[in-house]
Protein backbone atom coordinates (compact mmCIF):
# COMPACT_ATOMS: atom_id res chain seq x y z
CA MET A 1 -0.13 0.03 0.03
CA ILE A 2 1.32 3.36 -0.94
CA ILE A 3 0.52 6.44 1.20
CA THR A 4 0.45 9.71 -0.72
CA THR A 5 0.72 13.00 1.34
CA LEU A 6 -0.48 16.16 -0.19
CA THR A 7 -1.08 19.77 1.22
CA SER A 8 -4.34 21.42 1.06
CA ARG A 9 -3.09 23.68 -1.63
CA ASP A 10 -1.89 20.57 -3.76
CA LEU A 11 -5.22 19.04 -3.45
CA ASN A 12 -7.12 22.04 -4.30
CA GLN A 13 -5.01 22.63 -7.38
CA ASP A 14 -4.99 18.88 -8.44
CA VAL A 15 -7.84 17.15 -7.33
CA SER A 16 -7.53 14.12 -10.10
CA ARG A 17 -4.08 13.53 -8.98
CA ALA A 18 -5.42 12.85 -5.25
CA LYS A 19 -8.19 10.70 -6.70
CA LYS A 20 -5.79 8.49 -8.92
CA ALA A 21 -3.36 8.49 -5.80
CA ALA A 22 -6.20 7.31 -3.75
CA LYS A 23 -6.58 4.01 -5.88
CA ASP A 24 -3.10 2.92 -4.72
CA GLY A 25 -3.59 3.75 -1.11
CA PRO A 26 -4.80 6.45 1.42
CA VAL A 27 -3.92 9.98 0.58
CA VAL A 28 -3.04 11.99 3.67
CA ILE A 29 -3.90 15.79 3.35
CA THR A 30 -2.08 18.25 5.60
CA ASP A 31 -3.14 21.40 6.70
CA ARG A 32 -0.12 23.72 7.94
CA GLY A 33 2.09 20.86 7.99
CA LYS A 34 0.00 18.47 10.18
CA PRO A 35 -2.21 15.59 9.00
CA SER A 36 -5.96 16.76 8.83
CA HIS A 37 -7.80 14.34 6.46
CA VAL A 38 -7.36 11.11 4.71
CA LEU A 39 -8.86 10.52 1.14
CA MET A 40 -9.62 6.89 0.21
CA THR A 41 -11.78 5.06 -2.27
CA TYR A 42 -15.23 4.44 -1.31
CA ALA A 43 -14.47 0.62 -1.62
CA GLU A 44 -11.74 0.95 0.97
CA PHE A 45 -14.20 2.69 3.13
CA GLU A 46 -16.66 0.21 3.04
CA ARG A 47 -14.14 -2.38 3.89
CA LEU A 48 -12.79 -0.53 6.68
CA ALA A 49 -16.35 0.48 7.99
CA GLY A 50 -17.26 -3.23 8.01
CA LYS A 51 -20.31 -2.98 5.75
CA HIS A 52 -22.61 -5.87 6.34
CA ARG A 53 -23.10 -8.46 3.49
CA ASP A 54 -26.28 -10.06 2.71
CA LEU A 55 -26.16 -13.78 4.05
CA THR A 56 -27.01 -15.30 0.93
CA VAL A 57 -23.85 -13.34 -0.67
CA SER A 58 -21.91 -14.55 2.04
CA LEU A 59 -23.05 -18.14 1.79
CA ALA A 60 -22.35 -18.19 -1.82
CA MET A 61 -18.84 -17.35 -1.45
CA PRO A 62 -16.31 -19.75 -3.32
CA GLY A 63 -14.58 -22.37 -1.28
CA LEU A 64 -17.23 -22.51 1.42
CA SER A 65 -18.41 -25.80 0.09
CA ASP A 66 -14.90 -27.19 1.38
CA ILE A 67 -15.93 -26.50 5.07
CA ASP A 68 -17.37 -29.42 6.98
CA PHE A 69 -20.33 -27.89 8.93
CA ALA A 70 -22.67 -30.27 10.53
CA PRO A 71 -24.26 -28.71 13.62
CA GLU A 72 -26.19 -30.64 16.29
CA ARG A 73 -30.02 -30.29 16.07
CA ALA A 74 -31.25 -28.30 18.94
CA GLY A 75 -33.44 -30.01 21.39
CA ILE A 76 -36.27 -27.69 22.30
CA ALA A 77 -39.11 -28.93 24.22
CA PRO A 78 -42.51 -27.11 25.17
CA ARG A 79 -42.63 -26.33 29.02
CA GLU A 80 -45.45 -27.56 30.96
CA ILE A 81 -48.08 -25.02 31.88
CA ASP A 82 -50.02 -24.96 35.11
CA LEU A 83 -53.28 -23.18 34.49
CA ALA A 84 -54.71 -24.11 38.00
């Protein structure tokens, strides 16, 4: 992963450069010499934010058929009710 650092002025002058650099890794934007913001792709943001997948999409992932999964059946019995 490549980390690019740009000043706020550089960002304002060449936004397309910053967007291209974000494809290779985070772009740290400095303000008066100190890091103030980070630019990243939306896909990277979703990955870091832990976007939840649909269960059906997760179960359809390649390689899952190789996993041995045989859970025991849960034994749930009704309770006796005293109506007296």
